[in-house]
Amino acid sequence: MAIFTLPGIADWLQIAALLLGFGFIALPLGFRSGFLQLDPQNLQVSVKVVLITLFAPAIVEELAFRVLLLPHPTEHPSLLEQWLWGSFGILLFVAYHPLNAWIFYPAGRKTFVNPIFLGLAALLGIICTLSYWQSGSLWTPMLIHWISVAVWLLVLGGYRQLQNDHS
């Protein structure tokens, strides 16, 4: 159902508000800790990253950690059910990153165990969960996730950081 639910105008406004809120927290924390650094990438890298990150992590992770795991809003879960499933999903989402780096993506090992990265991943998981519950759509958390990862990789040093992890 969530795949076929298209976001409405209120959902698009919510995406903007959640991304702004994420930025207001993530940017000062990331810059102050040195985890984020301005490092814009060239056009060739940017096109590749934008296309790849649309599918993984954005669509794949949002399907796994929101759409398939959480009750859909049309199921009318109680607040307790939402809180329990949401917390469980966010914990899995955060734990998945170091596990993924260890098993499938060794280039990300140093980055994906960094406490600042994990904290920002938790915050991203929270806002994606809120977006999913509000809209009932895969597309709102997917867009938030995609934009956040693409901006980190292409502008805020994530691409170079992962390249340095690899070396």
N, C-alpha and C. Protein backbone atom coordinates (compact mmCIF):
# COMPACT_ATOMS: atom_id res chain seq x y z
N MET A 1 0.81 -1.19 0.00
CA MET A 1 0.00 0.00 0.00
C MET A 1 0.86 1.27 0.00
N ALA A 2 1.93 1.29 0.81
CA ALA A 2 2.76 2.49 0.94
C ALA A 2 3.45 2.85 -0.38
N ILE A 3 3.71 1.84 -1.19
CA ILE A 3 4.37 2.09 -2.48
C ILE A 3 3.44 2.87 -3.40
N PHE A 4 2.15 2.63 -3.30
CA PHE A 4 1.17 3.25 -4.19
C PHE A 4 0.53 4.51 -3.61
N THR A 5 0.87 4.83 -2.36
CA THR A 5 0.34 6.03 -1.73
C THR A 5 1.20 7.22 -2.13
N LEU A 6 0.62 8.15 -2.86
CA LEU A 6 1.37 9.32 -3.30
C LEU A 6 1.23 10.44 -2.27
N PRO A 7 2.32 11.14 -2.00
CA PRO A 7 2.28 12.23 -1.02
C PRO A 7 1.38 13.38 -1.50
N GLY A 8 0.68 13.98 -0.55
CA GLY A 8 -0.13 15.17 -0.82
C GLY A 8 0.67 16.43 -0.53
N ILE A 9 0.04 17.56 -0.70
CA ILE A 9 0.71 18.85 -0.49
C ILE A 9 1.23 18.96 0.94
N ALA A 10 0.43 18.56 1.92
CA ALA A 10 0.88 18.63 3.32
C ALA A 10 2.11 17.76 3.54
N ASP A 11 2.17 16.62 2.85
CA ASP A 11 3.32 15.73 2.99
C ASP A 11 4.58 16.38 2.43
N TRP A 12 4.47 17.09 1.31
CA TRP A 12 5.63 17.78 0.73
C TRP A 12 6.12 18.88 1.66
N LEU A 13 5.19 19.57 2.29
CA LEU A 13 5.57 20.60 3.26
C LEU A 13 6.26 19.98 4.47
N GLN A 14 5.76 18.82 4.87
CA GLN A 14 6.37 18.12 6.00
C GLN A 14 7.80 17.68 5.66
N ILE A 15 8.01 17.21 4.43
CA ILE A 15 9.36 16.82 4.01
C ILE A 15 10.30 18.01 4.19
N ALA A 16 9.89 19.17 3.71
CA ALA A 16 10.72 20.38 3.82
C ALA A 16 10.99 20.70 5.28
N ALA A 17 9.96 20.65 6.12
CA ALA A 17 10.12 20.98 7.54
C ALA A 17 11.05 19.98 8.24
N LEU A 18 10.88 18.69 7.95
CA LEU A 18 11.72 17.68 8.58
C LEU A 18 13.17 17.80 8.13
N LEU A 19 13.39 18.08 6.84
CA LEU A 19 14.76 18.27 6.35
C LEU A 19 15.41 19.50 6.98
N LEU A 20 14.64 20.57 7.12
CA LEU A 20 15.17 21.77 7.79
C LEU A 20 15.53 21.47 9.24
N GLY A 21 14.63 20.79 9.94
CA GLY A 21 14.90 20.42 11.33
C GLY A 21 16.12 19.52 11.45
N PHE A 22 16.23 18.56 10.55
CA PHE A 22 17.40 17.68 10.54
C PHE A 22 18.66 18.50 10.33
N GLY A 23 18.61 19.40 9.38
CA GLY A 23 19.77 20.25 9.10
C GLY A 23 20.16 21.12 10.28
N PHE A 24 19.17 21.69 10.98
CA PHE A 24 19.46 22.55 12.13
C PHE A 24 20.17 21.79 13.26
N ILE A 25 19.93 20.48 13.33
CA ILE A 25 20.60 19.68 14.36
C ILE A 25 21.89 19.08 13.81
N ALA A 26 21.82 18.46 12.63
CA ALA A 26 22.95 17.71 12.07
C ALA A 26 24.12 18.60 11.68
N LEU A 27 23.85 19.74 11.07
CA LEU A 27 24.96 20.58 10.59
C LEU A 27 25.84 21.11 11.73
N PRO A 28 25.28 21.75 12.76
CA PRO A 28 26.16 22.22 13.84
C PRO A 28 26.90 21.07 14.54
N LEU A 29 26.19 19.98 14.79
CA LEU A 29 26.81 18.83 15.44
C LEU A 29 27.92 18.25 14.56
N GLY A 30 27.64 18.08 13.29
CA GLY A 30 28.61 17.51 12.37
C GLY A 30 29.83 18.38 12.15
N PHE A 31 29.62 19.69 12.00
CA PHE A 31 30.75 20.59 11.79
C PHE A 31 31.58 20.75 13.06
N ARG A 32 30.90 20.89 14.21
CA ARG A 32 31.61 21.06 15.47
C ARG A 32 32.48 19.84 15.79
N SER A 33 32.00 18.66 15.45
CA SER A 33 32.74 17.43 15.74
C SER A 33 33.81 17.13 14.69
N GLY A 34 33.75 17.82 13.55
CA GLY A 34 34.68 17.54 12.46
C GLY A 34 34.22 16.42 11.55
N PHE A 35 33.08 15.82 11.86
CA PHE A 35 32.57 14.75 11.01
C PHE A 35 32.14 15.28 9.65
N LEU A 36 31.56 16.47 9.63
CA LEU A 36 31.16 17.11 8.37
C LEU A 36 32.18 18.18 8.00
N GLN A 37 32.49 18.24 6.71
CA GLN A 37 33.38 19.27 6.18
C GLN A 37 32.91 19.61 4.78
N LEU A 38 32.95 20.87 4.42
CA LEU A 38 32.57 21.25 3.06
C LEU A 38 33.56 20.64 2.08
N ASP A 39 33.04 19.86 1.15
CA ASP A 39 33.88 19.17 0.17
C ASP A 39 33.03 18.81 -1.04
N PRO A 40 32.68 19.83 -1.86
CA PRO A 40 31.82 19.56 -3.02
C PRO A 40 32.52 18.66 -4.04
N GLN A 41 31.74 17.74 -4.60
CA GLN A 41 32.26 16.80 -5.60
C GLN A 41 31.98 17.31 -7.01
N ASN A 42 32.70 16.75 -7.98
CA ASN A 42 32.53 17.16 -9.37
C ASN A 42 31.25 16.58 -9.97
N LEU A 43 30.90 17.02 -11.16
CA LEU A 43 29.66 16.61 -11.81
C LEU A 43 29.61 15.11 -12.07
N GLN A 44 30.71 14.52 -12.49
CA GLN A 44 30.72 13.08 -12.79
C GLN A 44 30.41 12.25 -11.54
N VAL A 45 31.06 12.58 -10.45
CA VAL A 45 30.80 11.89 -9.18
C VAL A 45 29.36 12.15 -8.74
N SER A 46 28.91 13.38 -8.88
CA SER A 46 27.57 13.76 -8.43
C SER A 46 26.48 12.97 -9.14
N VAL A 47 26.58 12.84 -10.44
CA VAL A 47 25.57 12.10 -11.20
C VAL A 47 25.54 10.64 -10.74
N LYS A 48 26.71 10.05 -10.61
CA LYS A 48 26.80 8.65 -10.17
C LYS A 48 26.19 8.47 -8.78
N VAL A 49 26.56 9.34 -7.85
CA VAL A 49 26.08 9.22 -6.48
C VAL A 49 24.57 9.43 -6.39
N VAL A 50 24.05 10.42 -7.10
CA VAL A 50 22.61 10.69 -7.07
C VAL A 50 21.83 9.48 -7.58
N LEU A 51 22.29 8.86 -8.62
CA LEU A 51 21.58 7.69 -9.18
C LEU A 51 21.69 6.48 -8.26
N ILE A 52 22.88 6.21 -7.77
CA ILE A 52 23.08 5.03 -6.92
C ILE A 52 22.34 5.18 -5.59
N THR A 53 22.43 6.33 -4.96
CA THR A 53 21.82 6.50 -3.63
C THR A 53 20.30 6.52 -3.67
N LEU A 54 19.72 6.75 -4.84
CA LEU A 54 18.27 6.65 -4.95
C LEU A 54 17.81 5.24 -4.60
N PHE A 55 18.54 4.25 -5.10
CA PHE A 55 18.15 2.86 -4.87
C PHE A 55 18.69 2.33 -3.54
N ALA A 56 19.97 2.51 -3.32
CA ALA A 56 20.57 2.08 -2.06
C ALA A 56 21.45 3.22 -1.58
N PRO A 57 21.09 3.83 -0.51
CA PRO A 57 20.25 3.33 0.56
C PRO A 57 18.77 3.73 0.52
N ALA A 58 18.39 4.76 -0.22
CA ALA A 58 17.07 5.37 -0.02
C ALA A 58 15.90 4.40 -0.17
N ILE A 59 15.70 3.83 -1.32
CA ILE A 59 14.53 2.96 -1.51
C ILE A 59 14.67 1.67 -0.72
N VAL A 60 15.83 1.02 -0.80
CA VAL A 60 16.02 -0.28 -0.14
C VAL A 60 15.84 -0.16 1.37
N GLU A 61 16.50 0.81 1.98
CA GLU A 61 16.43 0.92 3.44
C GLU A 61 15.06 1.40 3.91
N GLU A 62 14.42 2.28 3.17
CA GLU A 62 13.09 2.73 3.59
C GLU A 62 12.06 1.62 3.44
N LEU A 63 12.20 0.80 2.42
CA LEU A 63 11.32 -0.37 2.32
C LEU A 63 11.52 -1.30 3.52
N ALA A 64 12.77 -1.57 3.85
CA ALA A 64 13.07 -2.51 4.93
C ALA A 64 12.73 -1.97 6.31
N PHE A 65 13.14 -0.75 6.60
CA PHE A 65 13.04 -0.25 7.97
C PHE A 65 11.78 0.56 8.26
N ARG A 66 11.05 0.93 7.27
CA ARG A 66 9.79 1.64 7.48
C ARG A 66 8.63 0.81 6.91
N VAL A 67 8.56 0.67 5.61
CA VAL A 67 7.36 0.11 4.97
C VAL A 67 7.08 -1.33 5.38
N LEU A 68 8.09 -2.20 5.35
CA LEU A 68 7.85 -3.61 5.68
C LEU A 68 7.79 -3.87 7.18
N LEU A 69 8.42 -3.02 7.97
CA LEU A 69 8.52 -3.26 9.40
C LEU A 69 7.40 -2.60 10.21
N LEU A 70 7.05 -1.38 9.86
CA LEU A 70 6.11 -0.61 10.67
C LEU A 70 4.67 -0.85 10.22
N PRO A 71 3.74 -0.81 11.18
CA PRO A 71 2.34 -0.88 10.77
C PRO A 71 1.98 0.35 9.92
N HIS A 72 1.19 0.13 8.89
CA HIS A 72 0.76 1.24 8.03
C HIS A 72 -0.27 2.07 8.80
N PRO A 73 -0.28 3.37 8.59
CA PRO A 73 -1.25 4.22 9.30
C PRO A 73 -2.71 3.78 9.12
N THR A 74 -3.05 3.17 7.99
CA THR A 74 -4.43 2.72 7.78
C THR A 74 -4.80 1.54 8.69
N GLU A 75 -3.80 0.93 9.31
CA GLU A 75 -4.06 -0.16 10.26
C GLU A 75 -4.44 0.40 11.64
N HIS A 76 -4.35 1.72 11.79
CA HIS A 76 -4.69 2.41 13.03
C HIS A 76 -3.98 1.83 14.26
N PRO A 77 -2.65 1.75 14.20
CA PRO A 77 -1.93 1.25 15.38
C PRO A 77 -2.08 2.23 16.54
N SER A 78 -2.06 1.67 17.73
CA SER A 78 -2.12 2.54 18.92
C SER A 78 -0.82 3.33 19.01
N LEU A 79 -0.83 4.35 19.85
CA LEU A 79 0.37 5.14 20.07
C LEU A 79 1.49 4.26 20.63
N LEU A 80 1.14 3.34 21.53
CA LEU A 80 2.13 2.42 22.09
C LEU A 80 2.73 1.53 21.00
N GLU A 81 1.88 0.99 20.12
CA GLU A 81 2.39 0.16 19.01
C GLU A 81 3.30 0.97 18.10
N GLN A 82 2.91 2.19 17.81
CA GLN A 82 3.76 3.04 16.97
C GLN A 82 5.10 3.29 17.65
N TRP A 83 5.07 3.59 18.93
CA TRP A 83 6.29 3.88 19.65
C TRP A 83 7.18 2.64 19.70
N LEU A 84 6.61 1.48 20.02
CA LEU A 84 7.41 0.25 20.12
C LEU A 84 7.99 -0.15 18.76
N TRP A 85 7.14 -0.22 17.73
CA TRP A 85 7.63 -0.59 16.40
C TRP A 85 8.59 0.46 15.85
N GLY A 86 8.28 1.72 16.07
CA GLY A 86 9.16 2.78 15.60
C GLY A 86 10.53 2.72 16.26
N SER A 87 10.55 2.53 17.57
CA SER A 87 11.83 2.43 18.29
C SER A 87 12.62 1.21 17.83
N PHE A 88 11.93 0.10 17.67
CA PHE A 88 12.59 -1.12 17.18
C PHE A 88 13.17 -0.90 15.79
N GLY A 89 12.41 -0.27 14.91
CA GLY A 89 12.88 0.00 13.55
C GLY A 89 14.09 0.93 13.53
N ILE A 90 14.06 1.94 14.38
CA ILE A 90 15.19 2.89 14.42
C ILE A 90 16.44 2.20 14.97
N LEU A 91 16.27 1.38 16.01
CA LEU A 91 17.42 0.62 16.54
C LEU A 91 18.00 -0.31 15.48
N LEU A 92 17.14 -1.00 14.75
CA LEU A 92 17.62 -1.87 13.67
C LEU A 92 18.33 -1.07 12.59
N PHE A 93 17.75 0.07 12.24
CA PHE A 93 18.31 0.94 11.22
C PHE A 93 19.72 1.38 11.60
N VAL A 94 19.90 1.79 12.85
CA VAL A 94 21.22 2.24 13.31
C VAL A 94 22.19 1.06 13.37
N ALA A 95 21.76 -0.05 13.93
CA ALA A 95 22.63 -1.24 14.05
C ALA A 95 23.00 -1.81 12.69
N TYR A 96 22.14 -1.65 11.73
CA TYR A 96 22.38 -2.16 10.38
C TYR A 96 23.63 -1.55 9.75
N HIS A 97 23.90 -0.28 10.01
CA HIS A 97 25.01 0.39 9.34
C HIS A 97 26.38 -0.22 9.68
N PRO A 98 26.75 -0.38 10.95
CA PRO A 98 28.04 -1.04 11.20
C PRO A 98 28.05 -2.50 10.73
N LEU A 99 26.93 -3.19 10.89
CA LEU A 99 26.85 -4.58 10.43
C LEU A 99 27.03 -4.65 8.91
N ASN A 100 26.39 -3.76 8.19
CA ASN A 100 26.51 -3.70 6.74
C ASN A 100 27.96 -3.43 6.34
N ALA A 101 28.60 -2.50 7.04
CA ALA A 101 30.00 -2.19 6.74
C ALA A 101 30.90 -3.39 7.02
N TRP A 102 30.63 -4.07 8.08
CA TRP A 102 31.46 -5.21 8.45
C TRP A 102 31.34 -6.35 7.45
N ILE A 103 30.11 -6.61 6.97
CA ILE A 103 29.86 -7.77 6.10
C ILE A 103 29.98 -7.43 4.61
N PHE A 104 29.32 -6.33 4.19
CA PHE A 104 29.18 -6.07 2.76
C PHE A 104 29.96 -4.86 2.24
N TYR A 105 30.22 -3.89 3.11
CA TYR A 105 30.80 -2.63 2.64
C TYR A 105 31.98 -2.23 3.51
N PRO A 106 33.10 -2.96 3.39
CA PRO A 106 34.25 -2.67 4.25
C PRO A 106 34.78 -1.25 4.09
N ALA A 107 34.55 -0.62 2.95
CA ALA A 107 35.01 0.75 2.75
C ALA A 107 34.39 1.71 3.76
N GLY A 108 33.25 1.35 4.33
CA GLY A 108 32.57 2.23 5.27
C GLY A 108 32.80 1.91 6.73
N ARG A 109 33.69 0.99 7.03
CA ARG A 109 33.83 0.53 8.42
C ARG A 109 34.13 1.65 9.41
N LYS A 110 35.13 2.48 9.13
CA LYS A 110 35.48 3.55 10.09
C LYS A 110 34.33 4.54 10.24
N THR A 111 33.73 4.91 9.12
CA THR A 111 32.65 5.90 9.15
C THR A 111 31.41 5.35 9.84
N PHE A 112 31.03 4.11 9.52
CA PHE A 112 29.76 3.57 9.99
C PHE A 112 29.76 3.12 11.44
N VAL A 113 30.91 3.22 12.11
CA VAL A 113 30.94 2.98 13.56
C VAL A 113 31.20 4.28 14.32
N ASN A 114 31.38 5.37 13.60
CA ASN A 114 31.62 6.67 14.22
C ASN A 114 30.37 7.08 15.02
N PRO A 115 30.51 7.44 16.29
CA PRO A 115 29.35 7.80 17.11
C PRO A 115 28.54 8.96 16.53
N ILE A 116 29.20 9.93 15.90
CA ILE A 116 28.46 11.05 15.30
C ILE A 116 27.62 10.53 14.14
N PHE A 117 28.21 9.69 13.29
CA PHE A 117 27.46 9.10 12.18
C PHE A 117 26.25 8.32 12.72
N LEU A 118 26.46 7.51 13.73
CA LEU A 118 25.37 6.70 14.27
C LEU A 118 24.28 7.57 14.90
N GLY A 119 24.68 8.64 15.55
CA GLY A 119 23.70 9.58 16.10
C GLY A 119 22.89 10.25 15.00
N LEU A 120 23.57 10.66 13.94
CA LEU A 120 22.86 11.28 12.82
C LEU A 120 21.98 10.26 12.10
N ALA A 121 22.43 9.01 12.03
CA ALA A 121 21.60 7.96 11.44
C ALA A 121 20.33 7.75 12.28
N ALA A 122 20.49 7.79 13.60
CA ALA A 122 19.31 7.65 14.48
C ALA A 122 18.34 8.80 14.25
N LEU A 123 18.87 10.00 14.17
CA LEU A 123 18.01 11.17 13.92
C LEU A 123 17.32 11.04 12.56
N LEU A 124 18.06 10.61 11.55
CA LEU A 124 17.45 10.40 10.23
C LEU A 124 16.37 9.33 10.31
N GLY A 125 16.63 8.27 11.05
CA GLY A 125 15.62 7.23 11.23
C GLY A 125 14.36 7.76 11.89
N ILE A 126 14.53 8.63 12.86
CA ILE A 126 13.37 9.22 13.54
C ILE A 126 12.55 10.06 12.58
N ILE A 127 13.20 10.92 11.81
CA ILE A 127 12.42 11.79 10.94
C ILE A 127 11.80 11.00 9.77
N CYS A 128 12.48 9.96 9.31
CA CYS A 128 11.88 9.13 8.26
C CYS A 128 10.68 8.36 8.80
N THR A 129 10.77 7.91 10.04
CA THR A 129 9.64 7.21 10.67
C THR A 129 8.45 8.16 10.84
N LEU A 130 8.71 9.37 11.33
CA LEU A 130 7.63 10.35 11.47
C LEU A 130 6.99 10.66 10.11
N SER A 131 7.82 10.80 9.11
CA SER A 131 7.31 11.09 7.78
C SER A 131 6.44 9.95 7.25
N TYR A 132 6.88 8.72 7.47
CA TYR A 132 6.09 7.56 7.02
C TYR A 132 4.74 7.50 7.73
N TRP A 133 4.76 7.71 9.05
CA TRP A 133 3.50 7.66 9.79
C TRP A 133 2.54 8.77 9.36
N GLN A 134 3.08 9.93 9.05
CA GLN A 134 2.23 11.05 8.63
C GLN A 134 1.63 10.80 7.26
N SER A 135 2.44 10.32 6.33
CA SER A 135 2.00 10.21 4.94
C SER A 135 1.45 8.84 4.57
N GLY A 136 1.94 7.79 5.22
CA GLY A 136 1.58 6.44 4.81
C GLY A 136 2.22 6.04 3.49
N SER A 137 3.20 6.81 3.06
CA SER A 137 3.82 6.62 1.75
C SER A 137 5.29 6.26 1.89
N LEU A 138 5.77 5.38 1.04
CA LEU A 138 7.20 5.09 0.95
C LEU A 138 7.96 6.33 0.50
N TRP A 139 7.33 7.14 -0.32
CA TRP A 139 8.04 8.19 -1.05
C TRP A 139 8.52 9.35 -0.18
N THR A 140 7.83 9.64 0.91
CA THR A 140 8.28 10.76 1.76
C THR A 140 9.56 10.41 2.53
N PRO A 141 9.60 9.28 3.26
CA PRO A 141 10.87 8.98 3.94
C PRO A 141 11.99 8.68 2.93
N MET A 142 11.64 8.09 1.80
CA MET A 142 12.66 7.81 0.79
C MET A 142 13.30 9.09 0.30
N LEU A 143 12.50 10.11 0.06
CA LEU A 143 13.04 11.38 -0.43
C LEU A 143 13.91 12.05 0.65
N ILE A 144 13.46 12.02 1.89
CA ILE A 144 14.25 12.59 2.99
C ILE A 144 15.59 11.86 3.10
N HIS A 145 15.54 10.55 3.07
CA HIS A 145 16.75 9.73 3.17
C HIS A 145 17.69 10.01 2.00
N TRP A 146 17.15 10.04 0.80
CA TRP A 146 17.93 10.25 -0.41
C TRP A 146 18.63 11.61 -0.39
N ILE A 147 17.87 12.65 -0.10
CA ILE A 147 18.44 14.00 -0.07
C ILE A 147 19.53 14.09 1.00
N SER A 148 19.27 13.54 2.18
CA SER A 148 20.24 13.61 3.28
C SER A 148 21.55 12.91 2.92
N VAL A 149 21.45 11.72 2.38
CA VAL A 149 22.65 10.96 2.03
C VAL A 149 23.39 11.63 0.87
N ALA A 150 22.65 12.06 -0.14
CA ALA A 150 23.28 12.70 -1.30
C ALA A 150 24.01 13.99 -0.90
N VAL A 151 23.39 14.80 -0.06
CA VAL A 151 24.03 16.04 0.39
C VAL A 151 25.28 15.72 1.21
N TRP A 152 25.19 14.73 2.09
CA TRP A 152 26.36 14.34 2.88
C TRP A 152 27.50 13.88 1.96
N LEU A 153 27.19 13.01 1.01
CA LEU A 153 28.23 12.49 0.13
C LEU A 153 28.80 13.55 -0.81
N LEU A 154 27.93 14.39 -1.34
CA LEU A 154 28.35 15.30 -2.41
C LEU A 154 28.83 16.67 -1.95
N VAL A 155 28.44 17.08 -0.76
CA VAL A 155 28.79 18.43 -0.32
C VAL A 155 29.49 18.45 1.04
N LEU A 156 29.17 17.51 1.90
CA LEU A 156 29.62 17.59 3.30
C LEU A 156 30.70 16.59 3.68
N GLY A 157 31.43 16.10 2.71
CA GLY A 157 32.61 15.30 2.99
C GLY A 157 32.41 13.80 3.07
N GLY A 158 31.20 13.32 2.92
CA GLY A 158 30.95 11.89 3.03
C GLY A 158 31.65 11.06 1.96
N TYR A 159 31.67 11.55 0.74
CA TYR A 159 32.30 10.80 -0.34
C TYR A 159 33.79 10.61 -0.06
N ARG A 160 34.48 11.68 0.28
CA ARG A 160 35.91 11.60 0.58
C ARG A 160 36.15 10.76 1.83
N GLN A 161 35.29 10.89 2.81
CA GLN A 161 35.44 10.12 4.04
C GLN A 161 35.38 8.62 3.74
N LEU A 162 34.43 8.21 2.92
CA LEU A 162 34.33 6.79 2.58
C LEU A 162 35.50 6.35 1.72
N GLN A 163 36.01 7.23 0.87
CA GLN A 163 37.20 6.90 0.08
C GLN A 163 38.41 6.74 0.99
N ASN A 164 38.53 7.59 2.00
CA ASN A 164 39.65 7.50 2.94
C ASN A 164 39.54 6.27 3.83
N ASP A 165 38.30 5.86 4.15
CA ASP A 165 38.10 4.63 4.94
C ASP A 165 38.66 3.44 4.17
N HIS A 166 38.50 3.50 2.87
CA HIS A 166 38.87 2.38 1.99
C HIS A 166 40.39 2.23 1.88
N SER A 167 41.08 3.37 2.00
CA SER A 167 42.54 3.29 1.80
C SER A 167 43.28 2.83 3.02
